[in-house]
Amino acid sequence: MYFLFNSNKMFFLFILFFSTMISISANSWFGCWIGLEINLLSFIPLISNSSNLLSSEASLKYFLTQSIASMNFLFSILIKMTLMKNFEMNNFISIMINSPLLMKMGAAPFHFWFPNISEGLSWFNNFILMTWQKITPMILVSYYLNMKLLYSIIIINVMIGAIGGLNQTSLRKIMAFSSINNLGWMIFSMMISENLWMFYFFMYSFLIGIMFFLFYILNMFFINQLFINNMKFMIKMNLLINFLSLGGLPPFIGFLPKWIIINFLMINKFYLLTFIMMMSSLITIFFYIRIIYSSFLFNYLKMKWFKIYLKNNFMNLINLFSLISIMGMILSTFLFM
């Protein structure tokens, strides 16, 4: 809520949204690059906080990684413009253009900066990093798809996203690895159709928006806070429903976009890819359930006097979202009748 009362932050937030529009609507690669640069320079003031050393470090790391990606992107564009006058699909150039864009969105194997930076950000900044900041690079990748490269990137993404989150205690790092895992699904949905990508992206943003909102209100950053703090049962139920929906468990609405992708994979006989993606989803659901398990079953007796309540209007809003999450799948079954 701090953003709403700070005119500087609001200004940079507006430029952040505006820069994405510049990149998406540009009619040349240079226009796309300019949009990416404006985006980078507007996000850094949002995440840097002089009173917090972690966020200052995160903003510096973010600047360095994104600058390297931008330089590579610009270099690839210049090579393409000077050496390749006729715009044929050259394998080497397409890899050169796709790689910095994958680095910008935090896709594996260029993901090493992503969990570290998310650790230093507030929940609101994390939400922007994991949703809005992925729009531009993904749309630019869709202009110049290199299928062979992207299939391997998808497999690496879903596997690293699943395995990386297993031994984490920080909720922000868990959400970062979950984001890397979902990015694999998102890239594949983009290869199928742009509408499916938009649907998957919207669903993912909606689900992690609810999660981050809950964590922000409860002021939670680590797993142990979930069982030290004595929360109301309804808050725990909301966490359970939204975590399972984010993992893509069938009765919940988070399964719907994954269902469509799995359906496409099976029709086109991508059996191995289907197996890898579904197994990785199971692993992510495992570490989500581990978080929920600890918050449901463990409670320190000495903290019994300290009970967390949410204001009624917040709670009603979150209950409504959870109801949508449960009911959504019942409605979506009609799509596949």
C-alpha atoms as a PDB file:
ATOM      1  CA  MET A   1       0.000   0.000   0.000  1.00  0.00           C
ATOM      2  CA  TYR A   2       3.096   2.157   0.398  1.00  0.00           C
ATOM      3  CA  PHE A   3       3.089   2.721  -3.393  1.00  0.00           C
ATOM      4  CA  LEU A   4      -0.311   4.406  -3.369  1.00  0.00           C
ATOM      5  CA  PHE A   5       0.894   7.242  -1.125  1.00  0.00           C
ATOM      6  CA  ASN A   6       4.301   7.810  -2.689  1.00  0.00           C
ATOM      7  CA  SER A   7       4.252   9.943  -5.833  1.00  0.00           C
ATOM      8  CA  ASN A   8       7.794   8.973  -6.904  1.00  0.00           C
ATOM      9  CA  LYS A   9       7.018   5.263  -6.740  1.00  0.00           C
ATOM     10  CA  MET A  10       3.735   5.801  -8.601  1.00  0.00           C
ATOM     11  CA  PHE A  11       5.623   7.707 -11.325  1.00  0.00           C
ATOM     12  CA  PHE A  12       8.135   4.872 -11.827  1.00  0.00           C
ATOM     13  CA  LEU A  13       5.326   2.313 -11.723  1.00  0.00           C
ATOM     14  CA  PHE A  14       3.562   4.186 -14.537  1.00  0.00           C
ATOM     15  CA  ILE A  15       6.797   4.276 -16.602  1.00  0.00           C
ATOM     16  CA  LEU A  16       7.260   0.539 -15.940  1.00  0.00           C
ATOM     17  CA  PHE A  17       3.815  -0.202 -17.440  1.00  0.00           C
ATOM     18  CA  PHE A  18       4.360   2.276 -20.250  1.00  0.00           C
ATOM     19  CA  SER A  19       7.758   0.787 -21.235  1.00  0.00           C
ATOM     20  CA  THR A  20       6.161  -2.644 -21.733  1.00  0.00           C
ATOM     21  CA  MET A  21       3.671  -1.048 -24.123  1.00  0.00           C
ATOM     22  CA  ILE A  22       6.577   0.565 -26.036  1.00  0.00           C
ATOM     23  CA  SER A  23       8.326  -2.802 -26.472  1.00  0.00           C
ATOM     24  CA  ILE A  24       5.193  -4.693 -27.466  1.00  0.00           C
ATOM     25  CA  SER A  25       4.044  -2.114 -30.013  1.00  0.00           C
ATOM     26  CA  ALA A  26       7.497  -1.324 -31.480  1.00  0.00           C
ATOM     27  CA  ASN A  27       7.897  -2.022 -35.192  1.00  0.00           C
ATOM     28  CA  SER A  28      11.675  -2.589 -35.031  1.00  0.00           C
ATOM     29  CA  TRP A  29      14.064  -4.541 -32.834  1.00  0.00           C
ATOM     30  CA  PHE A  30      15.623  -1.253 -31.700  1.00  0.00           C
ATOM     31  CA  GLY A  31      12.244  -0.070 -30.448  1.00  0.00           C
ATOM     32  CA  CYS A  32      11.919  -3.294 -28.460  1.00  0.00           C
ATOM     33  CA  TRP A  33      15.384  -2.781 -26.977  1.00  0.00           C
ATOM     34  CA  ILE A  34      14.582   0.820 -25.972  1.00  0.00           C
ATOM     35  CA  GLY A  35      11.407  -0.365 -24.246  1.00  0.00           C
ATOM     36  CA  LEU A  36      13.403  -2.995 -22.341  1.00  0.00           C
ATOM     37  CA  GLU A  37      15.950  -0.397 -21.211  1.00  0.00           C
ATOM     38  CA  ILE A  38      13.258   2.000 -19.961  1.00  0.00           C
ATOM     39  CA  ASN A  39      11.662  -0.929 -18.162  1.00  0.00           C
ATOM     40  CA  LEU A  40      14.950  -1.790 -16.438  1.00  0.00           C
ATOM     41  CA  LEU A  41      15.647   1.803 -15.383  1.00  0.00           C
ATOM     42  CA  SER A  42      12.126   2.286 -13.999  1.00  0.00           C
ATOM     43  CA  PHE A  43      12.087  -0.967 -11.992  1.00  0.00           C
ATOM     44  CA  ILE A  44      15.345  -0.246 -10.125  1.00  0.00           C
ATOM     45  CA  PRO A  45      14.001   2.810  -8.198  1.00  0.00           C
ATOM     46  CA  LEU A  46      10.954   0.728  -7.263  1.00  0.00           C
ATOM     47  CA  ILE A  47      12.988  -2.062  -5.674  1.00  0.00           C
ATOM     48  CA  SER A  48      15.822  -0.074  -4.091  1.00  0.00           C
ATOM     49  CA  ASN A  49      15.218   0.960  -0.504  1.00  0.00           C
ATOM     50  CA  SER A  50      17.931   2.879   1.350  1.00  0.00           C
ATOM     51  CA  SER A  51      16.817   1.546   4.753  1.00  0.00           C
ATOM     52  CA  ASN A  52      17.046  -2.093   3.633  1.00  0.00           C
ATOM     53  CA  LEU A  53      20.442  -3.486   2.629  1.00  0.00           C
ATOM     54  CA  LEU A  54      18.961  -6.632   1.044  1.00  0.00           C
ATOM     55  CA  SER A  55      16.804  -4.658  -1.369  1.00  0.00           C
ATOM     56  CA  SER A  56      19.701  -2.349  -2.296  1.00  0.00           C
ATOM     57  CA  GLU A  57      21.820  -5.410  -3.061  1.00  0.00           C
ATOM     58  CA  ALA A  58      18.925  -6.909  -5.045  1.00  0.00           C
ATOM     59  CA  SER A  59      18.556  -3.750  -7.141  1.00  0.00           C
ATOM     60  CA  LEU A  60      22.288  -3.768  -7.952  1.00  0.00           C
ATOM     61  CA  LYS A  61      22.221  -7.472  -8.920  1.00  0.00           C
ATOM     62  CA  TYR A  62      19.113  -6.877 -11.009  1.00  0.00           C
ATOM     63  CA  PHE A  63      20.775  -3.966 -12.799  1.00  0.00           C
ATOM     64  CA  LEU A  64      23.918  -5.978 -13.609  1.00  0.00           C
ATOM     65  CA  THR A  65      22.130  -9.081 -14.930  1.00  0.00           C
ATOM     66  CA  GLN A  66      19.602  -7.119 -16.968  1.00  0.00           C
ATOM     67  CA  SER A  67      22.353  -4.884 -18.402  1.00  0.00           C
ATOM     68  CA  ILE A  68      24.323  -7.942 -19.560  1.00  0.00           C
ATOM     69  CA  ALA A  69      21.162  -9.364 -21.171  1.00  0.00           C
ATOM     70  CA  SER A  70      20.408  -6.006 -22.828  1.00  0.00           C
ATOM     71  CA  MET A  71      23.949  -5.746 -24.224  1.00  0.00           C
ATOM     72  CA  ASN A  72      23.721  -9.249 -25.680  1.00  0.00           C
ATOM     73  CA  PHE A  73      20.309  -8.478 -27.137  1.00  0.00           C
ATOM     74  CA  LEU A  74      21.557  -5.259 -28.761  1.00  0.00           C
ATOM     75  CA  PHE A  75      24.658  -7.040 -30.089  1.00  0.00           C
ATOM     76  CA  SER A  76      22.480  -9.776 -31.648  1.00  0.00           C
ATOM     77  CA  ILE A  77      20.206  -7.192 -33.267  1.00  0.00           C
ATOM     78  CA  LEU A  78      23.199  -5.327 -34.740  1.00  0.00           C
ATOM     79  CA  ILE A  79      24.663  -8.550 -36.141  1.00  0.00           C
ATOM     80  CA  LYS A  80      21.291  -9.405 -37.623  1.00  0.00           C
ATOM     81  CA  MET A  81      20.909  -5.968 -39.203  1.00  0.00           C
ATOM     82  CA  THR A  82      24.442  -5.706 -40.595  1.00  0.00           C
ATOM     83  CA  LEU A  83      25.366  -9.258 -41.610  1.00  0.00           C
ATOM     84  CA  MET A  84      21.950 -10.595 -42.561  1.00  0.00           C
ATOM     85  CA  LYS A  85      20.210  -8.194 -44.854  1.00  0.00           C
ATOM     86  CA  ASN A  86      17.702 -10.805 -46.015  1.00  0.00           C
ATOM     87  CA  PHE A  87      15.790 -11.825 -42.880  1.00  0.00           C
ATOM     88  CA  GLU A  88      16.043 -15.584 -43.159  1.00  0.00           C
ATOM     89  CA  MET A  89      15.599 -17.687 -40.019  1.00  0.00           C
ATOM     90  CA  ASN A  90      19.189 -18.316 -39.070  1.00  0.00           C
ATOM     91  CA  ASN A  91      19.594 -20.832 -36.234  1.00  0.00           C
ATOM     92  CA  PHE A  92      22.611 -19.152 -34.647  1.00  0.00           C
ATOM     93  CA  ILE A  93      21.080 -15.658 -34.684  1.00  0.00           C
ATOM     94  CA  SER A  94      17.752 -16.873 -33.300  1.00  0.00           C
ATOM     95  CA  ILE A  95      19.594 -18.509 -30.375  1.00  0.00           C
ATOM     96  CA  MET A  96      21.539 -15.270 -29.856  1.00  0.00           C
ATOM     97  CA  ILE A  97      18.331 -13.224 -29.767  1.00  0.00           C
ATOM     98  CA  ASN A  98      16.349 -15.697 -27.650  1.00  0.00           C
ATOM     99  CA  SER A  99      19.012 -16.261 -24.969  1.00  0.00           C
ATOM    100  CA  PRO A 100      19.199 -12.693 -23.567  1.00  0.00           C
ATOM    101  CA  LEU A 101      15.397 -12.523 -23.581  1.00  0.00           C
ATOM    102  CA  LEU A 102      15.245 -15.783 -21.617  1.00  0.00           C
ATOM    103  CA  MET A 103      17.797 -14.309 -19.230  1.00  0.00           C
ATOM    104  CA  LYS A 104      15.637 -11.206 -18.810  1.00  0.00           C
ATOM    105  CA  MET A 105      12.585 -13.233 -17.799  1.00  0.00           C
ATOM    106  CA  GLY A 106      14.624 -15.424 -15.428  1.00  0.00           C
ATOM    107  CA  ALA A 107      14.231 -18.681 -17.359  1.00  0.00           C
ATOM    108  CA  ALA A 108      16.573 -21.582 -16.602  1.00  0.00           C
ATOM    109  CA  PRO A 109      19.496 -22.067 -17.311  1.00  0.00           C
ATOM    110  CA  PHE A 110      19.892 -18.259 -16.994  1.00  0.00           C
ATOM    111  CA  HIS A 111      17.903 -18.242 -13.749  1.00  0.00           C
ATOM    112  CA  PHE A 112      20.697 -17.907 -11.161  1.00  0.00           C
ATOM    113  CA  TRP A 113      19.943 -14.254 -10.383  1.00  0.00           C
ATOM    114  CA  PHE A 114      16.207 -14.784  -9.981  1.00  0.00           C
ATOM    115  CA  PRO A 115      15.792 -16.463  -6.528  1.00  0.00           C
ATOM    116  CA  ASN A 116      18.554 -14.286  -5.005  1.00  0.00           C
ATOM    117  CA  ILE A 117      16.905 -11.081  -6.154  1.00  0.00           C
ATOM    118  CA  SER A 118      13.411 -12.155  -5.123  1.00  0.00           C
ATOM    119  CA  GLU A 119      14.789 -12.780  -1.612  1.00  0.00           C
ATOM    120  CA  GLY A 120      15.585  -9.070  -1.259  1.00  0.00           C
ATOM    121  CA  LEU A 121      12.249  -7.695  -2.502  1.00  0.00           C
ATOM    122  CA  SER A 122       8.945  -6.906  -0.825  1.00  0.00           C
ATOM    123  CA  TRP A 123       5.888  -8.978  -1.771  1.00  0.00           C
ATOM    124  CA  PHE A 124       4.546  -6.273  -4.092  1.00  0.00           C
ATOM    125  CA  ASN A 125       7.871  -5.966  -5.952  1.00  0.00           C
ATOM    126  CA  ASN A 126       8.063  -9.746  -6.172  1.00  0.00           C
ATOM    127  CA  PHE A 127       4.618  -9.767  -7.740  1.00  0.00           C
ATOM    128  CA  ILE A 128       5.771  -7.281 -10.413  1.00  0.00           C
ATOM    129  CA  LEU A 129       9.002  -9.250 -11.001  1.00  0.00           C
ATOM    130  CA  MET A 130       7.161 -12.562 -11.413  1.00  0.00           C
ATOM    131  CA  THR A 131       4.297 -11.288 -13.571  1.00  0.00           C
ATOM    132  CA  TRP A 132       4.632  -7.947 -15.369  1.00  0.00           C
ATOM    133  CA  GLN A 133       8.397  -8.190 -15.970  1.00  0.00           C
ATOM    134  CA  LYS A 134       7.900 -11.425 -17.923  1.00  0.00           C
ATOM    135  CA  ILE A 135       5.449  -9.970 -20.472  1.00  0.00           C
ATOM    136  CA  THR A 136       7.921  -8.093 -22.720  1.00  0.00           C
ATOM    137  CA  PRO A 137      10.621 -10.809 -23.034  1.00  0.00           C
ATOM    138  CA  MET A 138       8.013 -13.515 -23.686  1.00  0.00           C
ATOM    139  CA  ILE A 139       6.276 -11.573 -26.428  1.00  0.00           C
ATOM    140  CA  LEU A 140       9.644 -10.743 -28.035  1.00  0.00           C
ATOM    141  CA  VAL A 141      10.617 -14.445 -27.898  1.00  0.00           C
ATOM    142  CA  SER A 142       7.344 -15.281 -29.657  1.00  0.00           C
ATOM    143  CA  TYR A 143       8.419 -13.089 -32.612  1.00  0.00           C
ATOM    144  CA  TYR A 144      11.452 -15.253 -33.235  1.00  0.00           C
ATOM    145  CA  LEU A 145      10.751 -18.785 -32.035  1.00  0.00           C
ATOM    146  CA  ASN A 146      13.536 -21.330 -32.185  1.00  0.00           C
ATOM    147  CA  MET A 147      11.638 -24.542 -31.478  1.00  0.00           C
ATOM    148  CA  LYS A 148      14.615 -26.843 -30.782  1.00  0.00           C
ATOM    149  CA  LEU A 149      16.114 -24.381 -28.305  1.00  0.00           C
ATOM    150  CA  LEU A 150      12.784 -23.742 -26.593  1.00  0.00           C
ATOM    151  CA  TYR A 151      11.957 -27.440 -26.088  1.00  0.00           C
ATOM    152  CA  SER A 152      15.214 -27.921 -24.191  1.00  0.00           C
ATOM    153  CA  ILE A 153      14.610 -24.646 -22.274  1.00  0.00           C
ATOM    154  CA  ILE A 154      11.113 -25.846 -21.258  1.00  0.00           C
ATOM    155  CA  ILE A 155      12.476 -29.162 -19.924  1.00  0.00           C
ATOM    156  CA  ILE A 156      15.271 -27.416 -17.980  1.00  0.00           C
ATOM    157  CA  ASN A 157      12.772 -24.863 -16.608  1.00  0.00           C
ATOM    158  CA  VAL A 158      10.243 -27.333 -15.267  1.00  0.00           C
ATOM    159  CA  MET A 159      12.956 -29.556 -13.762  1.00  0.00           C
ATOM    160  CA  ILE A 160      14.981 -26.788 -12.089  1.00  0.00           C
ATOM    161  CA  GLY A 161      11.805 -25.053 -10.887  1.00  0.00           C
ATOM    162  CA  ALA A 162      10.665 -28.284  -9.234  1.00  0.00           C
ATOM    163  CA  ILE A 163      13.975 -29.462  -7.755  1.00  0.00           C
ATOM    164  CA  GLY A 164      15.237 -26.010  -6.685  1.00  0.00           C
ATOM    165  CA  GLY A 165      12.280 -25.354  -4.391  1.00  0.00           C
ATOM    166  CA  LEU A 166      12.660 -28.586  -2.417  1.00  0.00           C
ATOM    167  CA  ASN A 167      15.204 -27.525   0.196  1.00  0.00           C
ATOM    168  CA  GLN A 168      14.110 -23.887   0.630  1.00  0.00           C
ATOM    169  CA  THR A 169      12.789 -22.378   3.847  1.00  0.00           C
ATOM    170  CA  SER A 170      12.176 -18.888   2.466  1.00  0.00           C
ATOM    171  CA  LEU A 171       8.683 -18.377   1.022  1.00  0.00           C
ATOM    172  CA  ARG A 172      10.046 -15.846  -1.481  1.00  0.00           C
ATOM    173  CA  LYS A 173      12.591 -18.321  -2.854  1.00  0.00           C
ATOM    174  CA  ILE A 174       9.946 -21.051  -3.020  1.00  0.00           C
ATOM    175  CA  MET A 175       7.707 -18.718  -5.024  1.00  0.00           C
ATOM    176  CA  ALA A 176      10.668 -17.813  -7.278  1.00  0.00           C
ATOM    177  CA  PHE A 177      11.356 -21.478  -8.121  1.00  0.00           C
ATOM    178  CA  SER A 178       7.633 -22.016  -8.578  1.00  0.00           C
ATOM    179  CA  SER A 179       7.707 -19.104 -11.040  1.00  0.00           C
ATOM    180  CA  ILE A 180      10.593 -20.743 -12.962  1.00  0.00           C
ATOM    181  CA  ASN A 181       8.563 -23.975 -13.140  1.00  0.00           C
ATOM    182  CA  ASN A 182       5.464 -22.148 -14.396  1.00  0.00           C
ATOM    183  CA  LEU A 183       7.602 -20.303 -16.934  1.00  0.00           C
ATOM    184  CA  GLY A 184       8.262 -23.628 -18.677  1.00  0.00           C
ATOM    185  CA  TRP A 185       4.507 -24.166 -19.038  1.00  0.00           C
ATOM    186  CA  MET A 186       4.049 -20.548 -20.134  1.00  0.00           C
ATOM    187  CA  ILE A 187       6.688 -20.800 -22.890  1.00  0.00           C
ATOM    188  CA  PHE A 188       4.995 -23.932 -24.201  1.00  0.00           C
ATOM    189  CA  SER A 189       1.566 -22.286 -24.118  1.00  0.00           C
ATOM    190  CA  MET A 190       3.056 -19.410 -26.131  1.00  0.00           C
ATOM    191  CA  MET A 191       4.343 -21.884 -28.738  1.00  0.00           C
ATOM    192  CA  ILE A 192       0.800 -23.279 -29.080  1.00  0.00           C
ATOM    193  CA  SER A 193      -1.076 -19.972 -29.341  1.00  0.00           C
ATOM    194  CA  GLU A 194      -0.915 -16.415 -28.048  1.00  0.00           C
ATOM    195  CA  ASN A 195      -4.444 -16.630 -26.610  1.00  0.00           C
ATOM    196  CA  LEU A 196      -3.533 -19.679 -24.548  1.00  0.00           C
ATOM    197  CA  TRP A 197      -0.414 -17.872 -23.283  1.00  0.00           C
ATOM    198  CA  MET A 198      -2.534 -14.869 -22.260  1.00  0.00           C
ATOM    199  CA  PHE A 199      -4.996 -17.149 -20.458  1.00  0.00           C
ATOM    200  CA  TYR A 200      -2.226 -19.052 -18.630  1.00  0.00           C
ATOM    201  CA  PHE A 201      -0.460 -15.800 -17.728  1.00  0.00           C
ATOM    202  CA  PHE A 202      -3.673 -14.248 -16.397  1.00  0.00           C
ATOM    203  CA  MET A 203      -4.496 -17.339 -14.313  1.00  0.00           C
ATOM    204  CA  TYR A 204      -0.948 -17.515 -12.905  1.00  0.00           C
ATOM    205  CA  SER A 205      -0.945 -13.778 -12.062  1.00  0.00           C
ATOM    206  CA  PHE A 206      -4.347 -14.100 -10.367  1.00  0.00           C
ATOM    207  CA  LEU A 207      -3.218 -17.026  -8.204  1.00  0.00           C
ATOM    208  CA  ILE A 208       0.121 -15.640  -7.082  1.00  0.00           C
ATOM    209  CA  GLY A 209      -1.546 -12.246  -6.566  1.00  0.00           C
ATOM    210  CA  ILE A 210      -3.816 -13.841  -3.919  1.00  0.00           C
ATOM    211  CA  MET A 211      -0.852 -15.671  -2.335  1.00  0.00           C
ATOM    212  CA  PHE A 212       1.340 -12.566  -2.173  1.00  0.00           C
ATOM    213  CA  PHE A 213      -1.550 -10.493  -0.817  1.00  0.00           C
ATOM    214  CA  LEU A 214      -2.034 -13.004   2.006  1.00  0.00           C
ATOM    215  CA  PHE A 215       1.692 -13.126   2.795  1.00  0.00           C
ATOM    216  CA  TYR A 216       1.857  -9.314   2.724  1.00  0.00           C
ATOM    217  CA  ILE A 217      -1.059  -8.920   5.160  1.00  0.00           C
ATOM    218  CA  LEU A 218       0.279 -11.637   7.483  1.00  0.00           C
ATOM    219  CA  ASN A 219       3.828 -10.251   7.124  1.00  0.00           C
ATOM    220  CA  MET A 220       5.333 -13.678   6.433  1.00  0.00           C
ATOM    221  CA  PHE A 221       8.603 -14.445   4.694  1.00  0.00           C
ATOM    222  CA  PHE A 222       9.697 -17.863   6.013  1.00  0.00           C
ATOM    223  CA  ILE A 223       8.026 -21.257   6.488  1.00  0.00           C
ATOM    224  CA  ASN A 224       8.588 -21.307  10.277  1.00  0.00           C
ATOM    225  CA  GLN A 225       6.491 -18.118  10.669  1.00  0.00           C
ATOM    226  CA  LEU A 226       3.499 -20.096   9.425  1.00  0.00           C
ATOM    227  CA  PHE A 227       3.538 -22.379  12.462  1.00  0.00           C
ATOM    228  CA  ILE A 228       4.921 -19.992  15.071  1.00  0.00           C
ATOM    229  CA  ASN A 229       2.027 -17.636  14.371  1.00  0.00           C
ATOM    230  CA  ASN A 230      -1.353 -18.883  15.485  1.00  0.00           C
ATOM    231  CA  MET A 231      -3.608 -18.118  12.518  1.00  0.00           C
ATOM    232  CA  LYS A 232      -7.353 -18.415  12.184  1.00  0.00           C
ATOM    233  CA  PHE A 233      -8.485 -21.634  10.524  1.00  0.00           C
ATOM    234  CA  MET A 234     -10.023 -19.794   7.543  1.00  0.00           C
ATOM    235  CA  ILE A 235      -6.696 -18.130   6.722  1.00  0.00           C
ATOM    236  CA  LYS A 236      -5.061 -21.579   6.680  1.00  0.00           C
ATOM    237  CA  MET A 237      -7.841 -22.945   4.457  1.00  0.00           C
ATOM    238  CA  ASN A 238      -7.346 -20.090   2.001  1.00  0.00           C
ATOM    239  CA  LEU A 239      -3.612 -20.785   1.913  1.00  0.00           C
ATOM    240  CA  LEU A 240      -4.311 -24.481   1.272  1.00  0.00           C
ATOM    241  CA  ILE A 241      -6.804 -23.867  -1.557  1.00  0.00           C
ATOM    242  CA  ASN A 242      -4.662 -21.289  -3.340  1.00  0.00           C
ATOM    243  CA  PHE A 243      -1.414 -23.249  -2.976  1.00  0.00           C
ATOM    244  CA  LEU A 244      -3.006 -26.382  -4.426  1.00  0.00           C
ATOM    245  CA  SER A 245      -4.581 -24.332  -7.205  1.00  0.00           C
ATOM    246  CA  LEU A 246      -1.178 -22.810  -8.026  1.00  0.00           C
ATOM    247  CA  GLY A 247       0.328 -26.313  -8.122  1.00  0.00           C
ATOM    248  CA  GLY A 248      -2.335 -27.371 -10.637  1.00  0.00           C
ATOM    249  CA  LEU A 249      -4.298 -29.974  -8.681  1.00  0.00           C
ATOM    250  CA  PRO A 250      -7.439 -31.045 -10.616  1.00  0.00           C
ATOM    251  CA  PRO A 251     -10.439 -29.756  -8.605  1.00  0.00           C
ATOM    252  CA  PHE A 252      -9.007 -26.225  -8.592  1.00  0.00           C
ATOM    253  CA  ILE A 253      -8.979 -23.626 -11.346  1.00  0.00           C
ATOM    254  CA  GLY A 254      -5.151 -23.594 -11.622  1.00  0.00           C
ATOM    255  CA  PHE A 255      -5.434 -26.989 -13.312  1.00  0.00           C
ATOM    256  CA  LEU A 256      -7.486 -25.646 -16.257  1.00  0.00           C
ATOM    257  CA  PRO A 257      -4.652 -24.003 -18.287  1.00  0.00           C
ATOM    258  CA  LYS A 258      -2.367 -26.979 -17.551  1.00  0.00           C
ATOM    259  CA  TRP A 259      -5.146 -29.306 -18.680  1.00  0.00           C
ATOM    260  CA  ILE A 260      -5.394 -27.525 -22.035  1.00  0.00           C
ATOM    261  CA  ILE A 261      -1.608 -27.744 -22.524  1.00  0.00           C
ATOM    262  CA  ILE A 262      -1.504 -31.445 -21.534  1.00  0.00           C
ATOM    263  CA  ASN A 263      -4.389 -32.074 -23.951  1.00  0.00           C
ATOM    264  CA  PHE A 264      -2.406 -30.440 -26.779  1.00  0.00           C
ATOM    265  CA  LEU A 265       0.753 -32.375 -25.850  1.00  0.00           C
ATOM    266  CA  MET A 266      -1.075 -35.714 -25.918  1.00  0.00           C
ATOM    267  CA  ILE A 267      -2.808 -35.008 -29.243  1.00  0.00           C
ATOM    268  CA  ASN A 268       0.568 -34.160 -30.806  1.00  0.00           C
ATOM    269  CA  LYS A 269       2.278 -37.214 -29.250  1.00  0.00           C
ATOM    270  CA  PHE A 270       4.772 -35.329 -27.034  1.00  0.00           C
ATOM    271  CA  TYR A 271       4.695 -38.163 -24.508  1.00  0.00           C
ATOM    272  CA  LEU A 272       8.122 -37.660 -22.921  1.00  0.00           C
ATOM    273  CA  LEU A 273       7.611 -33.890 -22.555  1.00  0.00           C
ATOM    274  CA  THR A 274       4.165 -34.514 -21.004  1.00  0.00           C
ATOM    275  CA  PHE A 275       5.682 -36.944 -18.510  1.00  0.00           C
ATOM    276  CA  ILE A 276       8.482 -34.532 -17.494  1.00  0.00           C
ATOM    277  CA  MET A 277       6.096 -31.567 -17.115  1.00  0.00           C
ATOM    278  CA  MET A 278       3.554 -33.526 -15.080  1.00  0.00           C
ATOM    279  CA  MET A 279       6.217 -35.025 -12.799  1.00  0.00           C
ATOM    280  CA  SER A 280       7.685 -31.576 -12.146  1.00  0.00           C
ATOM    281  CA  SER A 281       4.203 -30.294 -11.254  1.00  0.00           C
ATOM    282  CA  LEU A 282       3.878 -33.136  -8.740  1.00  0.00           C
ATOM    283  CA  ILE A 283       7.152 -32.102  -7.085  1.00  0.00           C
ATOM    284  CA  THR A 284       5.981 -28.467  -6.821  1.00  0.00           C
ATOM    285  CA  ILE A 285       2.706 -29.653  -5.266  1.00  0.00           C
ATOM    286  CA  PHE A 286       4.810 -31.671  -2.791  1.00  0.00           C
ATOM    287  CA  PHE A 287       6.665 -28.627  -1.478  1.00  0.00           C
ATOM    288  CA  TYR A 288       3.447 -26.582  -1.392  1.00  0.00           C
ATOM    289  CA  ILE A 289       1.801 -29.302   0.705  1.00  0.00           C
ATOM    290  CA  ARG A 290       4.843 -29.318   3.001  1.00  0.00           C
ATOM    291  CA  ILE A 291       4.283 -25.610   3.730  1.00  0.00           C
ATOM    292  CA  ILE A 292       0.561 -26.132   4.356  1.00  0.00           C
ATOM    293  CA  TYR A 293       1.222 -29.246   6.472  1.00  0.00           C
ATOM    294  CA  SER A 294       3.501 -27.308   8.800  1.00  0.00           C
ATOM    295  CA  SER A 295       1.023 -24.427   9.151  1.00  0.00           C
ATOM    296  CA  PHE A 296      -1.926 -26.776   9.837  1.00  0.00           C
ATOM    297  CA  LEU A 297      -0.333 -29.221  12.240  1.00  0.00           C
ATOM    298  CA  PHE A 298       2.346 -27.382  14.178  1.00  0.00           C
ATOM    299  CA  ASN A 299       1.578 -24.767  16.787  1.00  0.00           C
ATOM    300  CA  TYR A 300       3.829 -23.552  19.576  1.00  0.00           C
ATOM    301  CA  LEU A 301       1.893 -23.513  22.839  1.00  0.00           C
ATOM    302  CA  LYS A 302       3.698 -20.434  24.132  1.00  0.00           C
ATOM    303  CA  MET A 303       2.269 -18.447  21.176  1.00  0.00           C
ATOM    304  CA  LYS A 304      -1.377 -19.394  21.862  1.00  0.00           C
ATOM    305  CA  TRP A 305      -2.194 -15.914  23.205  1.00  0.00           C
ATOM    306  CA  PHE A 306      -1.110 -14.330  19.941  1.00  0.00           C
ATOM    307  CA  LYS A 307      -3.792 -14.981  17.328  1.00  0.00           C
ATOM    308  CA  ILE A 308      -3.763 -13.386  13.876  1.00  0.00           C
ATOM    309  CA  TYR A 309      -7.044 -11.966  12.642  1.00  0.00           C
ATOM    310  CA  LEU A 310      -7.659 -10.249   9.334  1.00  0.00           C
ATOM    311  CA  LYS A 311     -10.042  -7.353   8.821  1.00  0.00           C
ATOM    312  CA  ASN A 312     -13.417  -8.599   7.670  1.00  0.00           C
ATOM    313  CA  ASN A 313     -13.390  -6.973   4.216  1.00  0.00           C
ATOM    314  CA  PHE A 314      -9.933  -8.444   3.427  1.00  0.00           C
ATOM    315  CA  MET A 315     -11.057 -11.858   4.589  1.00  0.00           C
ATOM    316  CA  ASN A 316     -14.265 -11.731   2.548  1.00  0.00           C
ATOM    317  CA  LEU A 317     -12.301 -10.774  -0.571  1.00  0.00           C
ATOM    318  CA  ILE A 318      -9.847 -13.648  -0.124  1.00  0.00           C
ATOM    319  CA  ASN A 319     -12.715 -16.070   0.608  1.00  0.00           C
ATOM    320  CA  LEU A 320     -14.371 -14.978  -2.654  1.00  0.00           C
ATOM    321  CA  PHE A 321     -11.150 -15.621  -4.610  1.00  0.00           C
ATOM    322  CA  SER A 322     -10.812 -19.056  -3.005  1.00  0.00           C
ATOM    323  CA  LEU A 323     -14.427 -19.831  -3.892  1.00  0.00           C
ATOM    324  CA  ILE A 324     -13.675 -18.891  -7.537  1.00  0.00           C
ATOM    325  CA  SER A 325     -10.646 -21.205  -7.347  1.00  0.00           C
ATOM    326  CA  ILE A 326     -12.807 -24.153  -6.241  1.00  0.00           C
ATOM    327  CA  MET A 327     -15.866 -23.427  -8.395  1.00  0.00           C
ATOM    328  CA  GLY A 328     -13.837 -22.572 -11.500  1.00  0.00           C
ATOM    329  CA  MET A 329     -13.035 -26.171 -12.278  1.00  0.00           C
ATOM    330  CA  ILE A 330     -16.693 -27.227 -12.114  1.00  0.00           C
ATOM    331  CA  LEU A 331     -17.536 -24.528 -14.661  1.00  0.00           C
ATOM    332  CA  SER A 332     -14.529 -25.345 -16.837  1.00  0.00           C
ATOM    333  CA  THR A 333     -15.556 -29.003 -17.188  1.00  0.00           C
ATOM    334  CA  PHE A 334     -18.221 -27.833 -19.613  1.00  0.00           C
ATOM    335  CA  LEU A 335     -15.439 -26.707 -22.006  1.00  0.00           C
ATOM    336  CA  PHE A 336     -14.347 -30.304 -22.488  1.00  0.00           C
ATOM    337  CA  MET A 337     -17.790 -31.934 -22.673  1.00  0.00           C
END
